[in-house]
């Protein structure tokens, strides 16, 4: 069941960068000590840079095996067949509004998260 939420543009950009890195580099057994550089626009193993957040480390851990469902922007949800929706995501109405009217805050994106529900009928489970 999809539902709408929001996320900061920078957080989404970092998440997308981690996903692209994992697609290309996950042949190794060990997860390297990655860091962000250039305001979160570049991912490197260099010791200088901003550390990954706990959420980003957890995401990398789960991407190693069978990944759980990832968050999608509104455009990624609708235009799922496109290779990239970066330009469309950066141009969401909410993002433009935030950039114009709330310059001191990080721009936000509309996200379409998924909620998975299981219906268990009868019996006892432990």
PDB file of N, CA and C in Angstrom:
ATOM      1  N   UNK A   1       0.853  -1.160   0.000  1.00  0.00           N
ATOM      2  CA  UNK A   1       0.000   0.000   0.000  1.00  0.00           C
ATOM      3  C   UNK A   1       0.909   1.236   0.000  1.00  0.00           C
ATOM      4  N   UNK A   2       0.885   2.019  -1.052  1.00  0.00           N
ATOM      5  CA  UNK A   2       1.731   3.217  -1.086  1.00  0.00           C
ATOM      6  C   UNK A   2       1.160   4.346  -0.225  1.00  0.00           C
ATOM      7  N   UNK A   3       2.049   5.138   0.349  1.00  0.00           N
ATOM      8  CA  UNK A   3       1.637   6.341   1.061  1.00  0.00           C
ATOM      9  C   UNK A   3       2.690   7.413   0.849  1.00  0.00           C
ATOM     10  N   UNK A   4       2.270   8.663   0.937  1.00  0.00           N
ATOM     11  CA  UNK A   4       3.173   9.781   0.672  1.00  0.00           C
ATOM     12  C   UNK A   4       3.856  10.250   1.945  1.00  0.00           C
ATOM     13  N   UNK A   5       5.088  10.647   1.791  1.00  0.00           N
ATOM     14  CA  UNK A   5       5.890  11.187   2.881  1.00  0.00           C
ATOM     15  C   UNK A   5       6.857  12.173   2.242  1.00  0.00           C
ATOM     16  N   UNK A   6       7.817  12.688   2.976  1.00  0.00           N
ATOM     17  CA  UNK A   6       8.794  13.611   2.397  1.00  0.00           C
ATOM     18  C   UNK A   6      10.187  13.227   2.866  1.00  0.00           C
ATOM     19  N   UNK A   7      11.180  13.717   2.155  1.00  0.00           N
ATOM     20  CA  UNK A   7      12.576  13.518   2.521  1.00  0.00           C
ATOM     21  C   UNK A   7      13.353  14.723   2.027  1.00  0.00           C
ATOM     22  N   UNK A   8      14.494  14.987   2.629  1.00  0.00           N
ATOM     23  CA  UNK A   8      15.327  16.100   2.173  1.00  0.00           C
ATOM     24  C   UNK A   8      16.050  15.701   0.898  1.00  0.00           C
ATOM     25  N   UNK A   9      16.238  16.661   0.015  1.00  0.00           N
ATOM     26  CA  UNK A   9      16.869  16.404  -1.274  1.00  0.00           C
ATOM     27  C   UNK A   9      18.279  15.839  -1.112  1.00  0.00           C
ATOM     28  N   UNK A  10      19.048  16.382  -0.183  1.00  0.00           N
ATOM     29  CA  UNK A  10      20.411  15.902   0.033  1.00  0.00           C
ATOM     30  C   UNK A  10      20.445  14.459   0.503  1.00  0.00           C
ATOM     31  N   UNK A  11      19.521  14.089   1.369  1.00  0.00           N
ATOM     32  CA  UNK A  11      19.448  12.713   1.862  1.00  0.00           C
ATOM     33  C   UNK A  11      19.112  11.760   0.720  1.00  0.00           C
ATOM     34  N   UNK A  12      18.183  12.151  -0.125  1.00  0.00           N
ATOM     35  CA  UNK A  12      17.819  11.322  -1.283  1.00  0.00           C
ATOM     36  C   UNK A  12      18.993  11.200  -2.245  1.00  0.00           C
ATOM     37  N   UNK A  13      19.726  12.283  -2.458  1.00  0.00           N
ATOM     38  CA  UNK A  13      20.883  12.250  -3.359  1.00  0.00           C
ATOM     39  C   UNK A  13      21.941  11.286  -2.820  1.00  0.00           C
ATOM     40  N   UNK A  14      22.197  11.336  -1.513  1.00  0.00           N
ATOM     41  CA  UNK A  14      23.177  10.433  -0.897  1.00  0.00           C
ATOM     42  C   UNK A  14      22.724   8.978  -1.023  1.00  0.00           C
ATOM     43  N   UNK A  15      21.431   8.746  -0.797  1.00  0.00           N
ATOM     44  CA  UNK A  15      20.889   7.387  -0.896  1.00  0.00           C
ATOM     45  C   UNK A  15      21.050   6.847  -2.321  1.00  0.00           C
ATOM     46  N   UNK A  16      20.762   7.681  -3.317  1.00  0.00           N
ATOM     47  CA  UNK A  16      20.897   7.263  -4.717  1.00  0.00           C
ATOM     48  C   UNK A  16      22.360   6.960  -5.049  1.00  0.00           C
ATOM     49  N   UNK A  17      23.271   7.756  -4.518  1.00  0.00           N
ATOM     50  CA  UNK A  17      24.701   7.536  -4.744  1.00  0.00           C
ATOM     51  C   UNK A  17      25.146   6.204  -4.141  1.00  0.00           C
ATOM     52  N   UNK A  18      24.663   5.897  -2.938  1.00  0.00           N
ATOM     53  CA  UNK A  18      24.984   4.616  -2.307  1.00  0.00           C
ATOM     54  C   UNK A  18      24.429   3.447  -3.116  1.00  0.00           C
ATOM     55  N   UNK A  19      23.223   3.575  -3.628  1.00  0.00           N
ATOM     56  CA  UNK A  19      22.627   2.505  -4.439  1.00  0.00           C
ATOM     57  C   UNK A  19      23.439   2.266  -5.710  1.00  0.00           C
ATOM     58  N   UNK A  20      23.849   3.349  -6.382  1.00  0.00           N
ATOM     59  CA  UNK A  20      24.667   3.196  -7.595  1.00  0.00           C
ATOM     60  C   UNK A  20      26.011   2.554  -7.259  1.00  0.00           C
ATOM     61  N   UNK A  21      26.621   2.952  -6.133  1.00  0.00           N
ATOM     62  CA  UNK A  21      27.893   2.362  -5.721  1.00  0.00           C
ATOM     63  C   UNK A  21      27.718   0.864  -5.482  1.00  0.00           C
ATOM     64  N   UNK A  22      26.650   0.490  -4.781  1.00  0.00           N
ATOM     65  CA  UNK A  22      26.418  -0.918  -4.456  1.00  0.00           C
ATOM     66  C   UNK A  22      26.190  -1.756  -5.711  1.00  0.00           C
ATOM     67  N   UNK A  23      25.487  -1.209  -6.695  1.00  0.00           N
ATOM     68  CA  UNK A  23      25.259  -1.942  -7.945  1.00  0.00           C
ATOM     69  C   UNK A  23      26.567  -2.276  -8.647  1.00  0.00           C
ATOM     70  N   UNK A  24      27.529  -1.378  -8.581  1.00  0.00           N
ATOM     71  CA  UNK A  24      28.796  -1.569  -9.294  1.00  0.00           C
ATOM     72  C   UNK A  24      29.839  -2.344  -8.488  1.00  0.00           C
ATOM     73  N   UNK A  25      29.815  -2.231  -7.158  1.00  0.00           N
ATOM     74  CA  UNK A  25      30.953  -2.688  -6.352  1.00  0.00           C
ATOM     75  C   UNK A  25      30.668  -3.808  -5.364  1.00  0.00           C
ATOM     76  N   UNK A  26      29.521  -4.436  -5.427  1.00  0.00           N
ATOM     77  CA  UNK A  26      29.242  -5.400  -4.367  1.00  0.00           C
ATOM     78  C   UNK A  26      29.678  -6.817  -4.669  1.00  0.00           C
ATOM     79  N   UNK A  27      30.825  -6.992  -5.318  1.00  0.00           N
ATOM     80  CA  UNK A  27      31.380  -8.322  -5.510  1.00  0.00           C
ATOM     81  C   UNK A  27      32.219  -8.716  -4.296  1.00  0.00           C
ATOM     82  N   UNK A  28      32.674  -7.732  -3.528  1.00  0.00           N
ATOM     83  CA  UNK A  28      33.542  -7.998  -2.378  1.00  0.00           C
ATOM     84  C   UNK A  28      32.740  -8.509  -1.188  1.00  0.00           C
ATOM     85  N   UNK A  29      33.433  -9.212  -0.303  1.00  0.00           N
ATOM     86  CA  UNK A  29      32.787  -9.732   0.903  1.00  0.00           C
ATOM     87  C   UNK A  29      32.643  -8.653   1.977  1.00  0.00           C
ATOM     88  N   UNK A  30      33.648  -7.782   2.075  1.00  0.00           N
ATOM     89  CA  UNK A  30      33.671  -6.788   3.151  1.00  0.00           C
ATOM     90  C   UNK A  30      33.205  -5.427   2.633  1.00  0.00           C
ATOM     91  N   UNK A  31      32.413  -4.748   3.445  1.00  0.00           N
ATOM     92  CA  UNK A  31      31.967  -3.399   3.087  1.00  0.00           C
ATOM     93  C   UNK A  31      33.077  -2.420   3.465  1.00  0.00           C
ATOM     94  N   UNK A  32      33.600  -1.657   2.510  1.00  0.00           N
ATOM     95  CA  UNK A  32      34.673  -0.713   2.840  1.00  0.00           C
ATOM     96  C   UNK A  32      34.158   0.467   3.667  1.00  0.00           C
ATOM     97  N   UNK A  33      35.079   1.173   4.293  1.00  0.00           N
ATOM     98  CA  UNK A  33      34.732   2.364   5.071  1.00  0.00           C
ATOM     99  C   UNK A  33      34.543   3.526   4.100  1.00  0.00           C
ATOM    100  N   UNK A  34      33.320   3.733   3.664  1.00  0.00           N
ATOM    101  CA  UNK A  34      33.022   4.778   2.689  1.00  0.00           C
ATOM    102  C   UNK A  34      32.734   6.101   3.378  1.00  0.00           C
ATOM    103  N   UNK A  35      33.005   7.183   2.670  1.00  0.00           N
ATOM    104  CA  UNK A  35      32.716   8.535   3.154  1.00  0.00           C
ATOM    105  C   UNK A  35      32.231   9.388   2.001  1.00  0.00           C
ATOM    106  N   UNK A  36      31.430  10.388   2.335  1.00  0.00           N
ATOM    107  CA  UNK A  36      30.941  11.336   1.330  1.00  0.00           C
ATOM    108  C   UNK A  36      31.867  12.532   1.265  1.00  0.00           C
ATOM    109  N   UNK A  37      32.060  13.047   0.053  1.00  0.00           N
ATOM    110  CA  UNK A  37      32.838  14.268  -0.147  1.00  0.00           C
ATOM    111  C   UNK A  37      32.065  15.188  -1.086  1.00  0.00           C
ATOM    112  N   UNK A  38      32.510  16.411  -1.216  1.00  0.00           N
ATOM    113  CA  UNK A  38      31.884  17.409  -2.097  1.00  0.00           C
ATOM    114  C   UNK A  38      30.400  17.577  -1.782  1.00  0.00           C
ATOM    115  N   UNK A  39      30.086  17.854  -0.527  1.00  0.00           N
ATOM    116  CA  UNK A  39      28.706  18.077  -0.080  1.00  0.00           C
ATOM    117  C   UNK A  39      27.786  16.904  -0.397  1.00  0.00           C
ATOM    118  N   UNK A  40      28.300  15.690  -0.267  1.00  0.00           N
ATOM    119  CA  UNK A  40      27.478  14.511  -0.481  1.00  0.00           C
ATOM    120  C   UNK A  40      27.295  14.127  -1.925  1.00  0.00           C
ATOM    121  N   UNK A  41      28.089  14.696  -2.831  1.00  0.00           N
ATOM    122  CA  UNK A  41      27.959  14.391  -4.259  1.00  0.00           C
ATOM    123  C   UNK A  41      28.940  13.339  -4.746  1.00  0.00           C
ATOM    124  N   UNK A  42      29.840  12.898  -3.876  1.00  0.00           N
ATOM    125  CA  UNK A  42      30.852  11.925  -4.273  1.00  0.00           C
ATOM    126  C   UNK A  42      31.072  10.940  -3.138  1.00  0.00           C
ATOM    127  N   UNK A  43      31.235   9.676  -3.487  1.00  0.00           N
ATOM    128  CA  UNK A  43      31.450   8.624  -2.503  1.00  0.00           C
ATOM    129  C   UNK A  43      32.853   8.081  -2.690  1.00  0.00           C
ATOM    130  N   UNK A  44      33.626   7.983  -1.605  1.00  0.00           N
ATOM    131  CA  UNK A  44      35.013   7.569  -1.717  1.00  0.00           C
ATOM    132  C   UNK A  44      35.428   6.763  -0.489  1.00  0.00           C
ATOM    133  N   UNK A  45      36.545   6.058  -0.607  1.00  0.00           N
ATOM    134  CA  UNK A  45      37.106   5.340   0.535  1.00  0.00           C
ATOM    135  C   UNK A  45      38.184   6.176   1.229  1.00  0.00           C
ATOM    136  N   UNK A  46      38.351   7.411   0.805  1.00  0.00           N
ATOM    137  CA  UNK A  46      39.316   8.334   1.388  1.00  0.00           C
ATOM    138  C   UNK A  46      38.936   8.600   2.846  1.00  0.00           C
ATOM    139  N   UNK A  47      39.931   8.702   3.723  1.00  0.00           N
ATOM    140  CA  UNK A  47      39.674   8.918   5.147  1.00  0.00           C
ATOM    141  C   UNK A  47      39.086  10.303   5.431  1.00  0.00           C
ATOM    142  N   UNK A  48      39.296  11.249   4.535  1.00  0.00           N
ATOM    143  CA  UNK A  48      38.733  12.587   4.711  1.00  0.00           C
ATOM    144  C   UNK A  48      37.333  12.613   4.125  1.00  0.00           C
ATOM    145  N   UNK A  49      36.445  13.228   4.822  1.00  0.00           N
ATOM    146  CA  UNK A  49      35.081  13.323   4.320  1.00  0.00           C
ATOM    147  C   UNK A  49      34.071  13.036   5.412  1.00  0.00           C
ATOM    148  N   UNK A  50      32.824  13.139   5.052  1.00  0.00           N
ATOM    149  CA  UNK A  50      31.735  12.973   6.014  1.00  0.00           C
ATOM    150  C   UNK A  50      31.354  11.497   6.129  1.00  0.00           C
ATOM    151  N   UNK A  51      31.283  11.010   7.351  1.00  0.00           N
ATOM    152  CA  UNK A  51      30.932   9.609   7.574  1.00  0.00           C
ATOM    153  C   UNK A  51      29.506   9.319   7.168  1.00  0.00           C
ATOM    154  N   UNK A  52      29.239   8.059   6.875  1.00  0.00           N
ATOM    155  CA  UNK A  52      27.882   7.634   6.577  1.00  0.00           C
ATOM    156  C   UNK A  52      27.061   7.668   7.863  1.00  0.00           C
ATOM    157  N   UNK A  53      25.781   7.988   7.729  1.00  0.00           N
ATOM    158  CA  UNK A  53      24.894   7.955   8.890  1.00  0.00           C
ATOM    159  C   UNK A  53      24.576   6.504   9.228  1.00  0.00           C
ATOM    160  N   UNK A  54      23.976   6.281  10.380  1.00  0.00           N
ATOM    161  CA  UNK A  54      23.606   4.924  10.773  1.00  0.00           C
ATOM    162  C   UNK A  54      22.606   4.328   9.781  1.00  0.00           C
ATOM    163  N   UNK A  55      21.668   5.136   9.291  1.00  0.00           N
ATOM    164  CA  UNK A  55      20.699   4.657   8.302  1.00  0.00           C
ATOM    165  C   UNK A  55      21.391   4.228   7.007  1.00  0.00           C
ATOM    166  N   UNK A  56      22.384   4.997   6.580  1.00  0.00           N
ATOM    167  CA  UNK A  56      23.100   4.667   5.344  1.00  0.00           C
ATOM    168  C   UNK A  56      23.918   3.389   5.515  1.00  0.00           C
ATOM    169  N   UNK A  57      24.529   3.204   6.679  1.00  0.00           N
ATOM    170  CA  UNK A  57      25.272   1.965   6.947  1.00  0.00           C
ATOM    171  C   UNK A  57      24.333   0.766   6.949  1.00  0.00           C
ATOM    172  N   UNK A  58      23.172   0.932   7.545  1.00  0.00           N
ATOM    173  CA  UNK A  58      22.184  -0.144   7.581  1.00  0.00           C
ATOM    174  C   UNK A  58      21.721  -0.485   6.163  1.00  0.00           C
ATOM    175  N   UNK A  59      21.491   0.542   5.349  1.00  0.00           N
ATOM    176  CA  UNK A  59      21.072   0.315   3.968  1.00  0.00           C
ATOM    177  C   UNK A  59      22.138  -0.471   3.207  1.00  0.00           C
ATOM    178  N   UNK A  60      23.410  -0.112   3.361  1.00  0.00           N
ATOM    179  CA  UNK A  60      24.492  -0.840   2.691  1.00  0.00           C
ATOM    180  C   UNK A  60      24.541  -2.290   3.155  1.00  0.00           C
ATOM    181  N   UNK A  61      24.327  -2.521   4.439  1.00  0.00           N
ATOM    182  CA  UNK A  61      24.334  -3.879   4.977  1.00  0.00           C
ATOM    183  C   UNK A  61      23.255  -4.719   4.299  1.00  0.00           C
ATOM    184  N   UNK A  62      22.053  -4.190   4.178  1.00  0.00           N
ATOM    185  CA  UNK A  62      20.961  -4.939   3.574  1.00  0.00           C
ATOM    186  C   UNK A  62      21.087  -5.064   2.068  1.00  0.00           C
ATOM    187  N   UNK A  63      21.770  -4.137   1.416  1.00  0.00           N
ATOM    188  CA  UNK A  63      21.954  -4.230  -0.023  1.00  0.00           C
ATOM    189  C   UNK A  63      22.886  -5.374  -0.404  1.00  0.00           C
ATOM    190  N   UNK A  64      23.686  -5.844   0.535  1.00  0.00           N
ATOM    191  CA  UNK A  64      24.616  -6.931   0.264  1.00  0.00           C
ATOM    192  C   UNK A  64      23.887  -8.234  -0.036  1.00  0.00           C
ATOM    193  N   UNK A  65      22.776  -8.451   0.619  1.00  0.00           N
ATOM    194  CA  UNK A  65      22.002  -9.669   0.388  1.00  0.00           C
ATOM    195  C   UNK A  65      20.815  -9.376  -0.508  1.00  0.00           C
ATOM    196  N   UNK A  66      19.658  -9.835  -0.085  1.00  0.00           N
ATOM    197  CA  UNK A  66      18.426  -9.581  -0.821  1.00  0.00           C
ATOM    198  C   UNK A  66      17.851  -8.277  -0.285  1.00  0.00           C
ATOM    199  N   UNK A  67      17.941  -7.170  -1.045  1.00  0.00           N
ATOM    200  CA  UNK A  67      17.585  -5.865  -0.488  1.00  0.00           C
ATOM    201  C   UNK A  67      16.091  -5.717  -0.192  1.00  0.00           C
ATOM    202  N   UNK A  68      15.772  -4.997   0.872  1.00  0.00           N
ATOM    203  CA  UNK A  68      14.373  -4.663   1.131  1.00  0.00           C
ATOM    204  C   UNK A  68      13.911  -3.598   0.134  1.00  0.00           C
ATOM    205  N   UNK A  69      12.672  -3.263   0.171  1.00  0.00           N
ATOM    206  CA  UNK A  69      12.138  -2.250  -0.730  1.00  0.00           C
ATOM    207  C   UNK A  69      12.740  -0.894  -0.378  1.00  0.00           C
ATOM    208  N   UNK A  70      13.208  -0.185  -1.394  1.00  0.00           N
ATOM    209  CA  UNK A  70      13.831   1.119  -1.178  1.00  0.00           C
ATOM    210  C   UNK A  70      12.808   2.242  -1.341  1.00  0.00           C
ATOM    211  N   UNK A  71      13.083   3.363  -0.695  1.00  0.00           N
ATOM    212  CA  UNK A  71      12.222   4.539  -0.851  1.00  0.00           C
ATOM    213  C   UNK A  71      12.328   5.060  -2.270  1.00  0.00           C
ATOM    214  N   UNK A  72      11.217   5.559  -2.789  1.00  0.00           N
ATOM    215  CA  UNK A  72      11.198   6.117  -4.134  1.00  0.00           C
ATOM    216  C   UNK A  72      10.618   7.512  -4.086  1.00  0.00           C
ATOM    217  N   UNK A  73      11.148   8.367  -4.944  1.00  0.00           N
ATOM    218  CA  UNK A  73      10.555   9.691  -5.067  1.00  0.00           C
ATOM    219  C   UNK A  73       9.237   9.539  -5.836  1.00  0.00           C
ATOM    220  N   UNK A  74       8.443  10.589  -5.832  1.00  0.00           N
ATOM    221  CA  UNK A  74       7.174  10.559  -6.553  1.00  0.00           C
ATOM    222  C   UNK A  74       7.402  10.213  -8.022  1.00  0.00           C
ATOM    223  N   UNK A  75       8.433  10.798  -8.632  1.00  0.00           N
ATOM    224  CA  UNK A  75       8.716  10.538 -10.041  1.00  0.00           C
ATOM    225  C   UNK A  75       9.254   9.126 -10.276  1.00  0.00           C
ATOM    226  N   UNK A  76      10.069   8.613  -9.369  1.00  0.00           N
ATOM    227  CA  UNK A  76      10.558   7.242  -9.515  1.00  0.00           C
ATOM    228  C   UNK A  76       9.403   6.250  -9.441  1.00  0.00           C
ATOM    229  N   UNK A  77       8.428   6.558  -8.621  1.00  0.00           N
ATOM    230  CA  UNK A  77       7.266   5.694  -8.489  1.00  0.00           C
ATOM    231  C   UNK A  77       6.424   5.702  -9.767  1.00  0.00           C
ATOM    232  N   UNK A  78       6.243   6.869 -10.364  1.00  0.00           N
ATOM    233  CA  UNK A  78       5.395   6.991 -11.543  1.00  0.00           C
ATOM    234  C   UNK A  78       6.144   6.617 -12.826  1.00  0.00           C
ATOM    235  N   UNK A  79       7.386   7.094 -12.957  1.00  0.00           N
ATOM    236  CA  UNK A  79       8.185   6.827 -14.161  1.00  0.00           C
ATOM    237  C   UNK A  79       9.205   5.723 -13.880  1.00  0.00           C
ATOM    238  N   UNK A  80       8.735   4.578 -13.424  1.00  0.00           N
ATOM    239  CA  UNK A  80       9.621   3.486 -13.014  1.00  0.00           C
ATOM    240  C   UNK A  80      10.454   2.939 -14.174  1.00  0.00           C
ATOM    241  N   UNK A  81      10.030   3.159 -15.423  1.00  0.00           N
ATOM    242  CA  UNK A  81      10.762   2.628 -16.568  1.00  0.00           C
ATOM    243  C   UNK A  81      11.965   3.491 -16.964  1.00  0.00           C
ATOM    244  N   UNK A  82      12.064   4.715 -16.445  1.00  0.00           N
ATOM    245  CA  UNK A  82      13.191   5.588 -16.782  1.00  0.00           C
ATOM    246  C   UNK A  82      14.438   5.161 -16.020  1.00  0.00           C
ATOM    247  N   UNK A  83      15.587   5.331 -16.647  1.00  0.00           N
ATOM    248  CA  UNK A  83      16.845   4.978 -15.996  1.00  0.00           C
ATOM    249  C   UNK A  83      17.167   5.942 -14.850  1.00  0.00           C
ATOM    250  N   UNK A  84      16.849   7.235 -15.044  1.00  0.00           N
ATOM    251  CA  UNK A  84      17.105   8.231 -14.011  1.00  0.00           C
ATOM    252  C   UNK A  84      15.970   9.263 -13.991  1.00  0.00           C
ATOM    253  N   UNK A  85      15.592   9.658 -12.792  1.00  0.00           N
ATOM    254  CA  UNK A  85      14.576  10.707 -12.640  1.00  0.00           C
ATOM    255  C   UNK A  85      15.165  11.903 -11.904  1.00  0.00           C
ATOM    256  N   UNK A  86      16.494  11.986 -11.860  1.00  0.00           N
ATOM    257  CA  UNK A  86      17.157  13.030 -11.075  1.00  0.00           C
ATOM    258  C   UNK A  86      16.671  14.434 -11.430  1.00  0.00           C
ATOM    259  N   UNK A  87      16.630  14.771 -12.723  1.00  0.00           N
ATOM    260  CA  UNK A  87      16.190  16.117 -13.122  1.00  0.00           C
ATOM    261  C   UNK A  87      14.737  16.366 -12.739  1.00  0.00           C
ATOM    262  N   UNK A  88      13.894  15.372 -12.925  1.00  0.00           N
ATOM    263  CA  UNK A  88      12.486  15.511 -12.541  1.00  0.00           C
ATOM    264  C   UNK A  88      12.362  15.662 -11.021  1.00  0.00           C
ATOM    265  N   UNK A  89      13.150  14.888 -10.268  1.00  0.00           N
ATOM    266  CA  UNK A  89      13.093  14.964  -8.804  1.00  0.00           C
ATOM    267  C   UNK A  89      13.505  16.341  -8.304  1.00  0.00           C
ATOM    268  N   UNK A  90      14.556  16.888  -8.900  1.00  0.00           N
ATOM    269  CA  UNK A  90      15.036  18.207  -8.484  1.00  0.00           C
ATOM    270  C   UNK A  90      14.038  19.314  -8.807  1.00  0.00           C
ATOM    271  N   UNK A  91      13.108  19.025  -9.698  1.00  0.00           N
ATOM    272  CA  UNK A  91      12.155  20.031 -10.146  1.00  0.00           C
ATOM    273  C   UNK A  91      10.737  19.785  -9.603  1.00  0.00           C
ATOM    274  N   UNK A  92      10.614  19.014  -8.537  1.00  0.00           N
ATOM    275  CA  UNK A  92       9.289  18.819  -7.935  1.00  0.00           C
ATOM    276  C   UNK A  92       8.760  20.162  -7.429  1.00  0.00           C
ATOM    277  N   UNK A  93       7.467  20.331  -7.460  1.00  0.00           N
ATOM    278  CA  UNK A  93       6.843  21.581  -7.024  1.00  0.00           C
ATOM    279  C   UNK A  93       7.242  21.899  -5.586  1.00  0.00           C
ATOM    280  N   UNK A  94       7.232  20.898  -4.710  1.00  0.00           N
ATOM    281  CA  UNK A  94       7.578  21.140  -3.296  1.00  0.00           C
ATOM    282  C   UNK A  94       9.036  21.587  -3.170  1.00  0.00           C
ATOM    283  N   UNK A  95       9.926  21.009  -3.991  1.00  0.00           N
ATOM    284  CA  UNK A  95      11.337  21.401  -3.953  1.00  0.00           C
ATOM    285  C   UNK A  95      11.519  22.840  -4.410  1.00  0.00           C
ATOM    286  N   UNK A  96      10.845  23.209  -5.495  1.00  0.00           N
ATOM    287  CA  UNK A  96      10.942  24.592  -5.983  1.00  0.00           C
ATOM    288  C   UNK A  96      10.399  25.564  -4.946  1.00  0.00           C
ATOM    289  N   UNK A  97       9.282  25.218  -4.324  1.00  0.00           N
ATOM    290  CA  UNK A  97       8.680  26.074  -3.298  1.00  0.00           C
ATOM    291  C   UNK A  97       9.640  26.259  -2.118  1.00  0.00           C
ATOM    292  N   UNK A  98      10.259  25.168  -1.678  1.00  0.00           N
ATOM    293  CA  UNK A  98      11.204  25.255  -0.556  1.00  0.00           C
ATOM    294  C   UNK A  98      12.404  26.129  -0.925  1.00  0.00           C
ATOM    295  N   UNK A  99      12.932  25.969  -2.131  1.00  0.00           N
ATOM    296  CA  UNK A  99      14.096  26.750  -2.555  1.00  0.00           C
ATOM    297  C   UNK A  99      13.773  28.236  -2.624  1.00  0.00           C
ATOM    298  N   UNK A 100      12.555  28.575  -3.075  1.00  0.00           N
ATOM    299  CA  UNK A 100      12.169  29.976  -3.231  1.00  0.00           C
ATOM    300  C   UNK A 100      11.776  30.635  -1.914  1.00  0.00           C
ATOM    301  N   UNK A 101      11.080  29.917  -1.047  1.00  0.00           N
ATOM    302  CA  UNK A 101      10.495  30.525   0.142  1.00  0.00           C
ATOM    303  C   UNK A 101      11.175  30.169   1.462  1.00  0.00           C
ATOM    304  N   UNK A 102      11.948  29.120   1.483  1.00  0.00           N
ATOM    305  CA  UNK A 102      12.612  28.690   2.715  1.00  0.00           C
ATOM    306  C   UNK A 102      14.084  28.420   2.407  1.00  0.00           C
ATOM    307  N   UNK A 103      14.792  29.456   2.067  1.00  0.00           N
ATOM    308  CA  UNK A 103      16.179  29.322   1.614  1.00  0.00           C
ATOM    309  C   UNK A 103      17.124  28.752   2.667  1.00  0.00           C
ATOM    310  N   UNK A 104      16.814  28.890   3.943  1.00  0.00           N
ATOM    311  CA  UNK A 104      17.698  28.402   5.002  1.00  0.00           C
ATOM    312  C   UNK A 104      17.461  26.934   5.329  1.00  0.00           C
ATOM    313  N   UNK A 105      16.439  26.336   4.760  1.00  0.00           N
ATOM    314  CA  UNK A 105      16.138  24.927   5.028  1.00  0.00           C
ATOM    315  C   UNK A 105      16.505  24.082   3.817  1.00  0.00           C
ATOM    316  N   UNK A 106      16.775  22.808   4.080  1.00  0.00           N
ATOM    317  CA  UNK A 106      17.094  21.888   2.991  1.00  0.00           C
ATOM    318  C   UNK A 106      15.839  21.628   2.160  1.00  0.00           C
ATOM    319  N   UNK A 107      15.955  21.671   0.833  1.00  0.00           N
ATOM    320  CA  UNK A 107      14.790  21.382  -0.017  1.00  0.00           C
ATOM    321  C   UNK A 107      14.284  19.964   0.238  1.00  0.00           C
ATOM    322  N   UNK A 108      12.995  19.773   0.086  1.00  0.00           N
ATOM    323  CA  UNK A 108      12.393  18.476   0.350  1.00  0.00           C
ATOM    324  C   UNK A 108      11.817  17.887  -0.924  1.00  0.00           C
ATOM    325  N   UNK A 109      11.626  16.580  -0.899  1.00  0.00           N
ATOM    326  CA  UNK A 109      11.032  15.841  -2.005  1.00  0.00           C
ATOM    327  C   UNK A 109       9.834  15.063  -1.491  1.00  0.00           C
ATOM    328  N   UNK A 110       8.849  14.853  -2.343  1.00  0.00           N
ATOM    329  CA  UNK A 110       7.743  13.975  -1.988  1.00  0.00           C
ATOM    330  C   UNK A 110       8.186  12.552  -2.288  1.00  0.00           C
ATOM    331  N   UNK A 111       8.043  11.691  -1.301  1.00  0.00           N
ATOM    332  CA  UNK A 111       8.438  10.292  -1.423  1.00  0.00           C
ATOM    333  C   UNK A 111       7.198   9.415  -1.399  1.00  0.00           C
ATOM    334  N   UNK A 112       7.262   8.285  -2.097  1.00  0.00           N
ATOM    335  CA  UNK A 112       6.172   7.308  -2.077  1.00  0.00           C
ATOM    336  C   UNK A 112       6.728   6.060  -1.404  1.00  0.00           C
ATOM    337  N   UNK A 113       6.448   5.926  -0.125  1.00  0.00           N
ATOM    338  CA  UNK A 113       6.890   4.756   0.621  1.00  0.00           C
ATOM    339  C   UNK A 113       5.865   3.647   0.446  1.00  0.00           C
ATOM    340  N   UNK A 114       6.249   2.446   0.828  1.00  0.00           N
ATOM    341  CA  UNK A 114       5.325   1.324   0.738  1.00  0.00           C
ATOM    342  C   UNK A 114       5.150   0.699   2.111  1.00  0.00           C
ATOM    343  N   UNK A 115       3.939   0.380   2.427  1.00  0.00           N
ATOM    344  CA  UNK A 115       3.612  -0.290   3.677  1.00  0.00           C
ATOM    345  C   UNK A 115       3.114  -1.686   3.314  1.00  0.00           C
ATOM    346  N   UNK A 116       3.786  -2.693   3.841  1.00  0.00           N
ATOM    347  CA  UNK A 116       3.399  -4.069   3.554  1.00  0.00           C
ATOM    348  C   UNK A 116       2.649  -4.627   4.747  1.00  0.00           C
ATOM    349  N   UNK A 117       1.468  -5.140   4.488  1.00  0.00           N
ATOM    350  CA  UNK A 117       0.622  -5.698   5.534  1.00  0.00           C
ATOM    351  C   UNK A 117       0.375  -7.178   5.261  1.00  0.00           C
ATOM    352  N   UNK A 118       0.423  -7.975   6.292  1.00  0.00           N
ATOM    353  CA  UNK A 118       0.072  -9.380   6.176  1.00  0.00           C
ATOM    354  C   UNK A 118      -1.173  -9.613   7.023  1.00  0.00           C
ATOM    355  N   UNK A 119      -2.093 -10.352   6.464  1.00  0.00           N
ATOM    356  CA  UNK A 119      -3.293 -10.732   7.212  1.00  0.00           C
ATOM    357  C   UNK A 119      -3.119 -12.181   7.619  1.00  0.00           C
ATOM    358  N   UNK A 120      -3.091 -12.406   8.915  1.00  0.00           N
ATOM    359  CA  UNK A 120      -2.936 -13.752   9.456  1.00  0.00           C
ATOM    360  C   UNK A 120      -4.268 -14.158  10.061  1.00  0.00           C
ATOM    361  N   UNK A 121      -4.801 -15.246   9.567  1.00  0.00           N
ATOM    362  CA  UNK A 121      -6.111 -15.690  10.053  1.00  0.00           C
ATOM    363  C   UNK A 121      -5.979 -16.926  10.911  1.00  0.00           C
ATOM    364  N   UNK A 122      -6.692 -16.907  12.031  1.00  0.00           N
ATOM    365  CA  UNK A 122      -6.809 -18.088  12.891  1.00  0.00           C
ATOM    366  C   UNK A 122      -5.482 -18.651  13.387  1.00  0.00           C
ATOM    367  N   UNK A 123      -5.577 -19.641  14.256  1.00  0.00           N
ATOM    368  CA  UNK A 123      -4.399 -20.328  14.776  1.00  0.00           C
ATOM    369  C   UNK A 123      -3.586 -19.483  15.725  1.00  0.00           C
ATOM    370  N   UNK A 124      -2.652 -20.147  16.370  1.00  0.00           N
ATOM    371  CA  UNK A 124      -1.742 -19.453  17.274  1.00  0.00           C
ATOM    372  C   UNK A 124      -0.350 -19.505  16.708  1.00  0.00           C
ATOM    373  N   UNK A 125       0.354 -18.410  16.825  1.00  0.00           N
ATOM    374  CA  UNK A 125       1.697 -18.326  16.279  1.00  0.00           C
ATOM    375  C   UNK A 125       2.639 -17.884  17.391  1.00  0.00           C
ATOM    376  N   UNK A 126       3.793 -18.510  17.414  1.00  0.00           N
ATOM    377  CA  UNK A 126       4.768 -18.100  18.427  1.00  0.00           C
ATOM    378  C   UNK A 126       6.141 -17.987  17.818  1.00  0.00           C
TER     379      UNK A 126
END
